[in-house]
Every structure is written in structure tokens, then in C-alpha cells.
Amino acid sequence: MTFPERIGPATVVRDPDGFWTHPRYFEPESDEARQGEFGDWLHRHRLTCRTCWMESDAPPPVTAAWEAGDSKACDWQPSAPDGEGWFIGSIHDTEDGPICVWLREAR
């Protein structure tokens, strides 16, 4: 099996709302990802991931502002998972609130 070029850390420059996506991050084949498509992408690129939700990671004033209608995640600095080699794949909003997807080479 041939694997695509590896994906590694990139400089994170968040937009005015506090979001950012790695230039080589997962893109679904259609408007909505099919079940397992993200996992297939991780496997092809020999990556593993961990997620961090702003709701349970940010300081209380940041989550309170979000819940009060502030649609920005600028003041949230996502906590990296334990271990070496993690880099941010994406900080984006979801139906359940902001999430940070951490990536690293699968071991």
C-alpha cells in the first residue's frame, strides 16, 4: 500500500473568531462526510487524533461568554493531549460547540 506524503505541524494563525484548519486537513468527498471517512483519512496519513472541546477545556469566563452568545473562541487555548508529537489539525465550530482536533503520527 502506498501512503500519501506525511502531514506534520503547521504554523497556527487563527482567524478573528479564533478558528483555524491545517492546510492539509481532512476534507470529505461530498458536503457531508460518510461514516468512517475521517478514520480512513487518518489511516492513509498514518495519523491518530484526540479531541478537546472548548466547553470542558476553556476557563469559565471563556465558556460563559460563548454561552452568552459570543461566537468567538479567540481566548481559548486548547490543552494538548498527554504525550509527545501532537499538533493542531483544526480548531472549528460544530453543532456541539468549538472543538480542537489534535493530530500526531500513529505509533
N, C-alpha and C. Protein backbone atom coordinates (compact mmCIF):
# COMPACT_ATOMS: atom_id res chain seq x y z
N MET A 1 0.84 -1.18 0.00
CA MET A 1 0.00 0.00 0.00
C MET A 1 0.88 1.24 0.00
N THR A 2 0.57 2.19 -0.84
CA THR A 2 1.30 3.44 -0.92
C THR A 2 0.59 4.48 -0.06
N PHE A 3 1.36 5.15 0.77
CA PHE A 3 0.79 6.18 1.64
C PHE A 3 1.12 7.55 1.07
N PRO A 4 0.19 8.51 1.22
CA PRO A 4 0.47 9.87 0.77
C PRO A 4 1.56 10.52 1.63
N GLU A 5 2.02 11.67 1.18
CA GLU A 5 3.02 12.41 1.94
C GLU A 5 2.51 12.65 3.36
N ARG A 6 3.41 12.55 4.32
CA ARG A 6 3.04 12.73 5.72
C ARG A 6 2.61 14.15 6.01
N ILE A 7 1.76 14.27 7.00
CA ILE A 7 1.27 15.57 7.44
C ILE A 7 1.89 15.86 8.79
N GLY A 8 2.45 17.04 8.94
CA GLY A 8 3.09 17.42 10.20
C GLY A 8 2.61 18.79 10.65
N PRO A 9 3.21 19.30 11.70
CA PRO A 9 2.80 20.59 12.25
C PRO A 9 2.88 21.72 11.23
N ALA A 10 1.99 22.68 11.39
CA ALA A 10 1.98 23.90 10.58
C ALA A 10 1.78 25.07 11.54
N THR A 11 2.19 26.24 11.12
CA THR A 11 2.01 27.43 11.94
C THR A 11 0.52 27.73 12.06
N VAL A 12 0.06 27.86 13.28
CA VAL A 12 -1.35 28.14 13.55
C VAL A 12 -1.56 29.65 13.61
N VAL A 13 -2.35 30.16 12.68
CA VAL A 13 -2.74 31.57 12.67
C VAL A 13 -4.26 31.58 12.66
N ARG A 14 -4.83 31.80 13.83
CA ARG A 14 -6.27 31.72 13.98
C ARG A 14 -6.96 32.95 13.36
N ASP A 15 -8.16 32.73 12.83
CA ASP A 15 -8.92 33.82 12.23
C ASP A 15 -9.52 34.70 13.35
N PRO A 16 -10.19 35.79 12.99
CA PRO A 16 -10.73 36.69 14.02
C PRO A 16 -11.70 36.03 15.00
N ASP A 17 -12.29 34.91 14.62
CA ASP A 17 -13.20 34.20 15.52
C ASP A 17 -12.47 33.14 16.35
N GLY A 18 -11.18 32.97 16.10
CA GLY A 18 -10.39 32.02 16.88
C GLY A 18 -10.28 30.64 16.26
N PHE A 19 -10.71 30.49 15.01
CA PHE A 19 -10.68 29.18 14.37
C PHE A 19 -9.52 29.07 13.38
N TRP A 20 -9.14 27.84 13.07
CA TRP A 20 -8.04 27.59 12.14
C TRP A 20 -8.08 26.13 11.71
N THR A 21 -7.69 25.86 10.49
CA THR A 21 -7.61 24.49 9.99
C THR A 21 -6.30 24.31 9.25
N HIS A 22 -5.61 23.21 9.55
CA HIS A 22 -4.35 22.85 8.88
C HIS A 22 -4.59 22.83 7.38
N PRO A 23 -3.65 23.34 6.58
CA PRO A 23 -3.86 23.38 5.13
C PRO A 23 -4.02 22.00 4.50
N ARG A 24 -3.59 20.94 5.18
CA ARG A 24 -3.71 19.59 4.60
C ARG A 24 -4.68 18.72 5.40
N TYR A 25 -5.56 19.37 6.17
CA TYR A 25 -6.53 18.66 7.00
C TYR A 25 -7.59 17.96 6.14
N PHE A 26 -8.21 16.99 6.71
CA PHE A 26 -9.27 16.19 6.10
C PHE A 26 -10.34 17.05 5.43
N GLU A 27 -10.71 16.66 4.22
CA GLU A 27 -11.84 17.25 3.51
C GLU A 27 -12.71 16.10 3.02
N PRO A 28 -14.00 16.09 3.40
CA PRO A 28 -14.87 15.00 2.94
C PRO A 28 -15.05 15.03 1.43
N GLU A 29 -15.38 13.86 0.88
CA GLU A 29 -15.56 13.74 -0.56
C GLU A 29 -16.80 14.49 -1.05
N SER A 30 -17.80 14.65 -0.17
CA SER A 30 -19.01 15.40 -0.53
C SER A 30 -19.31 16.41 0.58
N ASP A 31 -20.46 17.03 0.52
CA ASP A 31 -20.81 18.05 1.51
C ASP A 31 -20.77 17.52 2.94
N GLU A 32 -21.10 16.27 3.11
CA GLU A 32 -21.13 15.68 4.44
C GLU A 32 -20.28 14.41 4.43
N ALA A 33 -19.41 14.27 5.41
CA ALA A 33 -18.53 13.10 5.46
C ALA A 33 -19.35 11.83 5.69
N ARG A 34 -19.00 10.79 4.97
CA ARG A 34 -19.66 9.49 5.19
C ARG A 34 -19.04 8.85 6.43
N GLN A 35 -19.76 7.94 7.03
CA GLN A 35 -19.27 7.27 8.23
C GLN A 35 -17.95 6.57 7.92
N GLY A 36 -16.95 6.79 8.75
CA GLY A 36 -15.65 6.14 8.59
C GLY A 36 -14.67 6.89 7.70
N GLU A 37 -15.14 7.91 7.00
CA GLU A 37 -14.27 8.62 6.05
C GLU A 37 -13.10 9.31 6.76
N PHE A 38 -13.35 9.94 7.91
CA PHE A 38 -12.27 10.59 8.65
C PHE A 38 -11.27 9.55 9.16
N GLY A 39 -11.75 8.44 9.66
CA GLY A 39 -10.87 7.36 10.11
C GLY A 39 -10.02 6.82 8.98
N ASP A 40 -10.60 6.69 7.80
CA ASP A 40 -9.83 6.24 6.63
C ASP A 40 -8.73 7.25 6.30
N TRP A 41 -9.07 8.54 6.38
CA TRP A 41 -8.09 9.59 6.11
C TRP A 41 -6.94 9.51 7.12
N LEU A 42 -7.27 9.34 8.40
CA LEU A 42 -6.23 9.20 9.42
C LEU A 42 -5.31 8.03 9.09
N HIS A 43 -5.90 6.90 8.74
CA HIS A 43 -5.11 5.70 8.43
C HIS A 43 -4.19 5.93 7.22
N ARG A 44 -4.74 6.52 6.16
CA ARG A 44 -3.93 6.78 4.96
C ARG A 44 -2.73 7.66 5.27
N HIS A 45 -2.90 8.61 6.18
CA HIS A 45 -1.83 9.55 6.50
C HIS A 45 -1.03 9.12 7.74
N ARG A 46 -1.30 7.94 8.23
CA ARG A 46 -0.61 7.39 9.41
C ARG A 46 -0.67 8.34 10.59
N LEU A 47 -1.89 8.81 10.87
CA LEU A 47 -2.11 9.74 11.98
C LEU A 47 -3.08 9.15 12.99
N THR A 48 -3.01 9.65 14.20
CA THR A 48 -4.01 9.38 15.22
C THR A 48 -4.51 10.73 15.69
N CYS A 49 -5.67 10.76 16.33
CA CYS A 49 -6.20 12.05 16.76
C CYS A 49 -6.78 11.97 18.16
N ARG A 50 -6.88 13.11 18.78
CA ARG A 50 -7.57 13.32 20.05
C ARG A 50 -8.34 14.61 19.90
N THR A 51 -9.46 14.70 20.57
CA THR A 51 -10.26 15.92 20.51
C THR A 51 -10.33 16.58 21.87
N CYS A 52 -10.53 17.87 21.83
CA CYS A 52 -10.62 18.69 23.03
C CYS A 52 -11.75 19.69 22.79
N TRP A 53 -12.76 19.68 23.62
CA TRP A 53 -13.91 20.57 23.47
C TRP A 53 -13.72 21.82 24.32
N MET A 54 -14.02 22.98 23.74
CA MET A 54 -13.89 24.22 24.48
C MET A 54 -14.74 24.19 25.75
N GLU A 55 -15.92 23.62 25.67
CA GLU A 55 -16.85 23.58 26.80
C GLU A 55 -16.23 22.99 28.07
N SER A 56 -15.37 21.97 27.90
CA SER A 56 -14.77 21.33 29.07
C SER A 56 -13.30 21.68 29.27
N ASP A 57 -12.74 22.51 28.39
CA ASP A 57 -11.31 22.81 28.46
C ASP A 57 -11.00 24.28 28.76
N ALA A 58 -11.86 25.18 28.31
CA ALA A 58 -11.59 26.62 28.46
C ALA A 58 -11.90 27.09 29.88
N PRO A 59 -11.26 28.17 30.30
CA PRO A 59 -11.58 28.75 31.61
C PRO A 59 -13.06 29.18 31.65
N PRO A 60 -13.67 29.17 32.82
CA PRO A 60 -15.09 29.52 32.95
C PRO A 60 -15.50 30.84 32.29
N PRO A 61 -14.70 31.92 32.37
CA PRO A 61 -15.15 33.16 31.70
C PRO A 61 -15.27 33.00 30.17
N VAL A 62 -14.42 32.18 29.58
CA VAL A 62 -14.46 31.96 28.13
C VAL A 62 -15.72 31.18 27.76
N THR A 63 -16.00 30.10 28.49
CA THR A 63 -17.20 29.32 28.18
C THR A 63 -18.46 30.11 28.49
N ALA A 64 -18.44 30.93 29.55
CA ALA A 64 -19.60 31.75 29.88
C ALA A 64 -19.89 32.75 28.76
N ALA A 65 -18.85 33.36 28.22
CA ALA A 65 -19.02 34.31 27.11
C ALA A 65 -19.61 33.61 25.90
N TRP A 66 -19.11 32.41 25.61
CA TRP A 66 -19.63 31.64 24.47
C TRP A 66 -21.12 31.34 24.68
N GLU A 67 -21.46 30.87 25.86
CA GLU A 67 -22.85 30.52 26.16
C GLU A 67 -23.76 31.74 26.14
N ALA A 68 -23.18 32.93 26.39
CA ALA A 68 -23.96 34.17 26.36
C ALA A 68 -24.12 34.72 24.95
N GLY A 69 -23.54 34.04 23.95
CA GLY A 69 -23.72 34.46 22.57
C GLY A 69 -22.49 34.99 21.86
N ASP A 70 -21.34 35.05 22.55
CA ASP A 70 -20.11 35.47 21.89
C ASP A 70 -19.66 34.32 20.99
N SER A 71 -19.68 34.53 19.70
CA SER A 71 -19.37 33.44 18.76
C SER A 71 -17.88 33.32 18.46
N LYS A 72 -17.06 33.80 19.35
CA LYS A 72 -15.61 33.74 19.14
C LYS A 72 -14.96 32.78 20.13
N ALA A 73 -13.92 32.11 19.66
CA ALA A 73 -13.17 31.19 20.50
C ALA A 73 -11.73 31.67 20.66
N CYS A 74 -11.50 32.96 20.43
CA CYS A 74 -10.14 33.53 20.44
C CYS A 74 -9.41 33.35 21.76
N ASP A 75 -10.13 33.43 22.87
CA ASP A 75 -9.48 33.36 24.18
C ASP A 75 -9.27 31.94 24.68
N TRP A 76 -9.68 30.96 23.91
CA TRP A 76 -9.48 29.56 24.27
C TRP A 76 -8.14 29.06 23.72
N GLN A 77 -7.30 28.58 24.60
CA GLN A 77 -6.04 27.96 24.20
C GLN A 77 -6.18 26.46 24.49
N PRO A 78 -6.50 25.66 23.46
CA PRO A 78 -6.77 24.23 23.68
C PRO A 78 -5.60 23.51 24.35
N SER A 79 -5.93 22.66 25.30
CA SER A 79 -4.93 21.86 26.01
C SER A 79 -4.51 20.67 25.15
N ALA A 80 -3.21 20.51 24.98
CA ALA A 80 -2.70 19.38 24.21
C ALA A 80 -2.86 18.08 24.99
N PRO A 81 -3.08 16.97 24.28
CA PRO A 81 -3.14 15.67 24.95
C PRO A 81 -1.79 15.33 25.57
N ASP A 82 -1.80 14.40 26.49
CA ASP A 82 -0.54 13.92 27.08
C ASP A 82 0.29 13.23 26.00
N GLY A 83 1.59 13.34 26.12
CA GLY A 83 2.50 12.68 25.18
C GLY A 83 3.14 13.67 24.23
N GLU A 84 4.07 13.16 23.47
CA GLU A 84 4.85 13.97 22.53
C GLU A 84 4.27 13.94 21.13
N GLY A 85 4.58 14.97 20.35
CA GLY A 85 4.32 14.96 18.92
C GLY A 85 2.96 15.47 18.46
N TRP A 86 2.11 15.92 19.37
CA TRP A 86 0.79 16.40 18.98
C TRP A 86 0.88 17.77 18.30
N PHE A 87 0.06 17.97 17.28
CA PHE A 87 -0.07 19.27 16.63
C PHE A 87 -1.53 19.49 16.28
N ILE A 88 -1.91 20.74 16.12
CA ILE A 88 -3.31 21.05 15.85
C ILE A 88 -3.65 20.77 14.40
N GLY A 89 -4.74 20.03 14.22
CA GLY A 89 -5.28 19.77 12.89
C GLY A 89 -6.37 20.79 12.56
N SER A 90 -7.17 21.11 13.56
CA SER A 90 -8.25 22.07 13.33
C SER A 90 -8.83 22.56 14.65
N ILE A 91 -9.18 23.82 14.67
CA ILE A 91 -10.00 24.41 15.73
C ILE A 91 -11.20 24.95 14.98
N HIS A 92 -12.35 24.33 15.18
CA HIS A 92 -13.53 24.75 14.43
C HIS A 92 -14.80 24.59 15.26
N ASP A 93 -15.85 25.21 14.79
CA ASP A 93 -17.13 25.14 15.48
C ASP A 93 -17.90 23.93 14.96
N THR A 94 -18.71 23.36 15.83
CA THR A 94 -19.58 22.24 15.47
C THR A 94 -20.97 22.54 16.04
N GLU A 95 -21.90 21.65 15.77
CA GLU A 95 -23.24 21.80 16.36
C GLU A 95 -23.18 21.74 17.88
N ASP A 96 -22.14 21.12 18.42
CA ASP A 96 -21.98 20.98 19.87
C ASP A 96 -20.99 21.97 20.46
N GLY A 97 -20.55 22.96 19.68
CA GLY A 97 -19.61 23.96 20.15
C GLY A 97 -18.21 23.75 19.60
N PRO A 98 -17.30 24.67 19.91
CA PRO A 98 -15.93 24.60 19.38
C PRO A 98 -15.18 23.36 19.85
N ILE A 99 -14.38 22.84 18.93
CA ILE A 99 -13.56 21.65 19.18
C ILE A 99 -12.17 21.89 18.62
N CYS A 100 -11.18 21.28 19.25
CA CYS A 100 -9.82 21.26 18.70
C CYS A 100 -9.51 19.81 18.40
N VAL A 101 -9.07 19.55 17.19
CA VAL A 101 -8.65 18.21 16.79
C VAL A 101 -7.13 18.20 16.76
N TRP A 102 -6.55 17.41 17.66
CA TRP A 102 -5.10 17.26 17.73
C TRP A 102 -4.71 16.03 16.92
N LEU A 103 -3.59 16.12 16.21
CA LEU A 103 -3.09 15.01 15.40
C LEU A 103 -1.65 14.69 15.78
N ARG A 104 -1.25 13.46 15.55
CA ARG A 104 0.17 13.10 15.62
C ARG A 104 0.35 11.81 14.83
N GLU A 105 1.59 11.54 14.51
CA GLU A 105 1.91 10.32 13.77
C GLU A 105 1.51 9.12 14.61
N ALA A 106 0.85 8.16 13.97
CA ALA A 106 0.42 6.95 14.68
C ALA A 106 1.65 6.16 15.10
N ARG A 107 1.56 5.56 16.27
CA ARG A 107 2.70 4.79 16.80
C ARG A 107 2.36 3.34 16.90
